[in-house]
């Protein structure tokens, strides 16, 4: 468990260990949501960060072409 604080203008200051684990930098955008009375803070990845991650799945050009053709055939019915 880590403890942060709320500033005089309502700013949230998470502890350094949390910022480091999330790799939060100055100016980084985050998303806030609530669930069961708890605040959830999630880092919003930049396009560069998203593109630098390895893909979770891979698909060949032939598979894409086949799937597109199947979808086109279904749409024509």
N, C-alpha and C. Protein backbone atom coordinates (compact mmCIF):
# COMPACT_ATOMS: atom_id res chain seq x y z
N UNK A 1 0.85 -1.17 0.00
CA UNK A 1 0.00 0.00 0.00
C UNK A 1 0.90 1.24 0.00
N UNK A 2 0.48 2.23 -0.76
CA UNK A 2 1.20 3.50 -0.81
C UNK A 2 0.23 4.62 -0.51
N UNK A 3 0.75 5.68 0.05
CA UNK A 3 -0.10 6.82 0.41
C UNK A 3 0.39 8.05 -0.33
N UNK A 4 -0.54 8.74 -0.97
CA UNK A 4 -0.24 10.00 -1.64
C UNK A 4 -1.01 11.10 -0.95
N UNK A 5 -1.14 12.23 -1.62
CA UNK A 5 -1.91 13.32 -1.02
C UNK A 5 -2.65 14.10 -2.09
N UNK A 6 -3.58 14.92 -1.63
CA UNK A 6 -4.37 15.79 -2.50
C UNK A 6 -3.92 17.21 -2.22
N UNK A 7 -3.61 17.94 -3.30
CA UNK A 7 -3.15 19.31 -3.16
C UNK A 7 -4.29 20.28 -2.89
N UNK A 8 -3.95 21.53 -2.64
CA UNK A 8 -4.94 22.56 -2.30
C UNK A 8 -5.93 22.82 -3.42
N UNK A 9 -5.57 22.52 -4.66
CA UNK A 9 -6.47 22.72 -5.80
C UNK A 9 -7.08 21.41 -6.28
N UNK A 10 -6.97 20.34 -5.47
CA UNK A 10 -7.55 19.05 -5.82
C UNK A 10 -6.62 18.16 -6.64
N UNK A 11 -5.36 18.59 -6.82
CA UNK A 11 -4.42 17.76 -7.58
C UNK A 11 -4.14 16.48 -6.80
N UNK A 12 -3.94 15.40 -7.53
CA UNK A 12 -3.58 14.14 -6.90
C UNK A 12 -2.09 13.91 -7.07
N UNK A 13 -1.44 13.53 -5.99
CA UNK A 13 -0.01 13.31 -6.00
C UNK A 13 0.28 11.87 -5.59
N UNK A 14 0.36 10.96 -6.57
CA UNK A 14 0.70 9.58 -6.21
C UNK A 14 2.16 9.49 -5.80
N UNK A 15 2.49 8.54 -4.95
CA UNK A 15 3.87 8.39 -4.50
C UNK A 15 4.81 8.04 -5.65
N UNK A 16 6.08 8.32 -5.46
CA UNK A 16 7.09 8.10 -6.49
C UNK A 16 7.12 6.65 -6.95
N UNK A 17 6.99 5.68 -6.03
CA UNK A 17 7.05 4.27 -6.42
C UNK A 17 5.91 3.91 -7.38
N UNK A 18 4.76 4.50 -7.20
CA UNK A 18 3.62 4.25 -8.10
C UNK A 18 3.91 4.88 -9.46
N UNK A 19 4.37 6.13 -9.45
CA UNK A 19 4.70 6.81 -10.72
C UNK A 19 5.75 6.03 -11.49
N UNK A 20 6.73 5.49 -10.79
CA UNK A 20 7.78 4.72 -11.46
C UNK A 20 7.25 3.40 -12.02
N UNK A 21 6.41 2.71 -11.26
CA UNK A 21 5.85 1.44 -11.73
C UNK A 21 4.99 1.65 -12.98
N UNK A 22 4.26 2.76 -13.02
CA UNK A 22 3.42 3.07 -14.19
C UNK A 22 4.19 3.80 -15.27
N UNK A 23 5.44 4.14 -14.99
CA UNK A 23 6.28 4.91 -15.91
C UNK A 23 5.61 6.23 -16.28
N UNK A 24 5.07 6.91 -15.27
CA UNK A 24 4.41 8.19 -15.48
C UNK A 24 5.45 9.30 -15.51
N UNK A 25 5.37 10.13 -16.51
CA UNK A 25 6.27 11.28 -16.66
C UNK A 25 5.47 12.56 -16.54
N UNK A 26 6.15 13.66 -16.33
CA UNK A 26 5.48 14.96 -16.27
C UNK A 26 4.70 15.19 -17.56
N UNK A 27 3.46 15.59 -17.42
CA UNK A 27 2.62 15.86 -18.58
C UNK A 27 1.91 14.63 -19.14
N UNK A 28 2.23 13.44 -18.61
CA UNK A 28 1.60 12.19 -19.07
C UNK A 28 0.10 12.25 -18.84
N UNK A 29 -0.68 11.82 -19.81
CA UNK A 29 -2.13 11.78 -19.63
C UNK A 29 -2.52 10.48 -18.95
N UNK A 30 -3.50 10.57 -18.06
CA UNK A 30 -4.03 9.41 -17.36
C UNK A 30 -5.55 9.44 -17.44
N UNK A 31 -6.13 8.28 -17.29
CA UNK A 31 -7.60 8.14 -17.31
C UNK A 31 -8.05 7.81 -15.90
N UNK A 32 -9.09 8.51 -15.45
CA UNK A 32 -9.66 8.26 -14.13
C UNK A 32 -11.02 7.58 -14.31
N UNK A 33 -11.27 6.59 -13.47
CA UNK A 33 -12.60 5.97 -13.43
C UNK A 33 -12.85 5.56 -11.98
N UNK A 34 -14.08 5.21 -11.72
CA UNK A 34 -14.44 4.78 -10.37
C UNK A 34 -15.11 3.43 -10.46
N UNK A 35 -14.84 2.61 -9.46
CA UNK A 35 -15.47 1.30 -9.37
C UNK A 35 -15.65 0.97 -7.89
N UNK A 36 -16.87 0.76 -7.50
CA UNK A 36 -17.19 0.42 -6.11
C UNK A 36 -16.56 1.40 -5.12
N UNK A 37 -16.65 2.69 -5.44
CA UNK A 37 -16.16 3.72 -4.53
C UNK A 37 -14.64 3.89 -4.53
N UNK A 38 -13.97 3.25 -5.48
CA UNK A 38 -12.51 3.37 -5.56
C UNK A 38 -12.12 4.11 -6.83
N UNK A 39 -11.10 4.92 -6.71
CA UNK A 39 -10.56 5.65 -7.84
C UNK A 39 -9.55 4.78 -8.56
N UNK A 40 -9.70 4.67 -9.88
CA UNK A 40 -8.77 3.90 -10.70
C UNK A 40 -8.07 4.87 -11.64
N UNK A 41 -6.75 4.82 -11.65
CA UNK A 41 -5.96 5.70 -12.51
C UNK A 41 -5.20 4.81 -13.49
N UNK A 42 -5.37 5.07 -14.79
CA UNK A 42 -4.70 4.28 -15.81
C UNK A 42 -3.91 5.20 -16.74
N UNK A 43 -2.70 4.80 -17.05
CA UNK A 43 -1.87 5.55 -17.97
C UNK A 43 -2.45 5.43 -19.37
N UNK A 44 -2.50 6.55 -20.09
CA UNK A 44 -2.92 6.55 -21.49
C UNK A 44 -1.65 6.48 -22.32
N UNK A 45 -1.53 5.43 -23.10
CA UNK A 45 -0.33 5.26 -23.91
C UNK A 45 -0.33 6.19 -25.11
N UNK A 46 0.85 6.66 -25.45
CA UNK A 46 0.99 7.47 -26.67
C UNK A 46 1.01 6.51 -27.86
N UNK A 47 0.73 6.99 -29.06
CA UNK A 47 0.79 6.11 -30.24
C UNK A 47 2.17 5.43 -30.37
N UNK A 48 3.23 6.15 -30.03
CA UNK A 48 4.57 5.57 -30.12
C UNK A 48 4.73 4.39 -29.15
N UNK A 49 4.18 4.53 -27.94
CA UNK A 49 4.26 3.45 -26.96
C UNK A 49 3.47 2.23 -27.43
N UNK A 50 2.31 2.48 -28.01
CA UNK A 50 1.48 1.38 -28.51
C UNK A 50 2.21 0.65 -29.63
N UNK A 51 2.78 1.41 -30.57
CA UNK A 51 3.44 0.80 -31.72
C UNK A 51 4.75 0.11 -31.35
N UNK A 52 5.36 0.49 -30.23
CA UNK A 52 6.63 -0.12 -29.84
C UNK A 52 6.44 -1.48 -29.18
N UNK A 53 5.20 -1.79 -28.77
CA UNK A 53 4.94 -3.09 -28.13
C UNK A 53 4.80 -4.17 -29.20
N UNK A 54 5.27 -5.37 -28.91
CA UNK A 54 5.11 -6.45 -29.88
C UNK A 54 3.63 -6.80 -30.03
N UNK A 55 3.21 -7.20 -31.22
CA UNK A 55 1.80 -7.53 -31.43
C UNK A 55 1.41 -8.78 -30.62
N UNK A 56 0.17 -8.80 -30.17
CA UNK A 56 -0.32 -9.96 -29.42
C UNK A 56 -0.66 -11.11 -30.36
N UNK A 57 -1.02 -10.77 -31.58
CA UNK A 57 -1.28 -11.80 -32.59
C UNK A 57 -0.62 -11.36 -33.89
N UNK A 58 -0.37 -12.31 -34.75
CA UNK A 58 0.13 -11.96 -36.08
C UNK A 58 -0.79 -12.60 -37.11
N UNK A 59 -0.95 -11.94 -38.22
CA UNK A 59 -1.79 -12.44 -39.29
C UNK A 59 -1.10 -12.10 -40.60
N UNK A 60 -1.08 -13.05 -41.48
CA UNK A 60 -0.38 -12.84 -42.75
C UNK A 60 -1.28 -12.07 -43.72
N UNK A 61 -0.65 -11.54 -44.74
CA UNK A 61 -1.40 -10.83 -45.77
C UNK A 61 -2.41 -11.76 -46.43
N UNK A 62 -2.03 -13.02 -46.63
CA UNK A 62 -2.94 -13.99 -47.26
C UNK A 62 -4.17 -14.21 -46.40
N UNK A 63 -3.98 -14.28 -45.06
CA UNK A 63 -5.12 -14.46 -44.16
C UNK A 63 -6.05 -13.25 -44.20
N UNK A 64 -5.47 -12.07 -44.24
CA UNK A 64 -6.27 -10.85 -44.32
C UNK A 64 -7.09 -10.86 -45.61
N UNK A 65 -6.43 -11.19 -46.71
CA UNK A 65 -7.09 -11.22 -48.02
C UNK A 65 -8.23 -12.24 -48.02
N UNK A 66 -7.98 -13.44 -47.47
CA UNK A 66 -9.00 -14.49 -47.40
C UNK A 66 -10.19 -14.03 -46.55
N UNK A 67 -9.91 -13.47 -45.38
CA UNK A 67 -10.98 -13.00 -44.49
C UNK A 67 -11.79 -11.88 -45.14
N UNK A 68 -11.12 -11.00 -45.83
CA UNK A 68 -11.82 -9.90 -46.52
C UNK A 68 -12.73 -10.44 -47.61
N UNK A 69 -12.25 -11.43 -48.35
CA UNK A 69 -13.06 -12.04 -49.41
C UNK A 69 -14.28 -12.73 -48.82
N UNK A 70 -14.10 -13.45 -47.71
CA UNK A 70 -15.22 -14.13 -47.04
C UNK A 70 -16.26 -13.11 -46.57
N UNK A 71 -15.81 -12.00 -46.01
CA UNK A 71 -16.74 -10.96 -45.56
C UNK A 71 -17.48 -10.35 -46.75
N UNK A 72 -16.77 -10.14 -47.84
CA UNK A 72 -17.41 -9.59 -49.05
C UNK A 72 -18.46 -10.55 -49.56
N UNK A 73 -18.14 -11.85 -49.58
CA UNK A 73 -19.11 -12.86 -50.04
C UNK A 73 -20.34 -12.88 -49.16
N UNK A 74 -20.17 -12.78 -47.85
CA UNK A 74 -21.30 -12.75 -46.93
C UNK A 74 -22.15 -11.51 -47.13
N UNK A 75 -21.51 -10.39 -47.40
CA UNK A 75 -22.25 -9.13 -47.58
C UNK A 75 -23.09 -9.16 -48.85
N UNK A 76 -22.66 -9.91 -49.83
CA UNK A 76 -23.40 -9.98 -51.11
C UNK A 76 -24.63 -10.85 -51.01
N UNK A 77 -24.73 -11.69 -49.99
CA UNK A 77 -25.88 -12.61 -49.86
C UNK A 77 -27.15 -11.87 -49.50
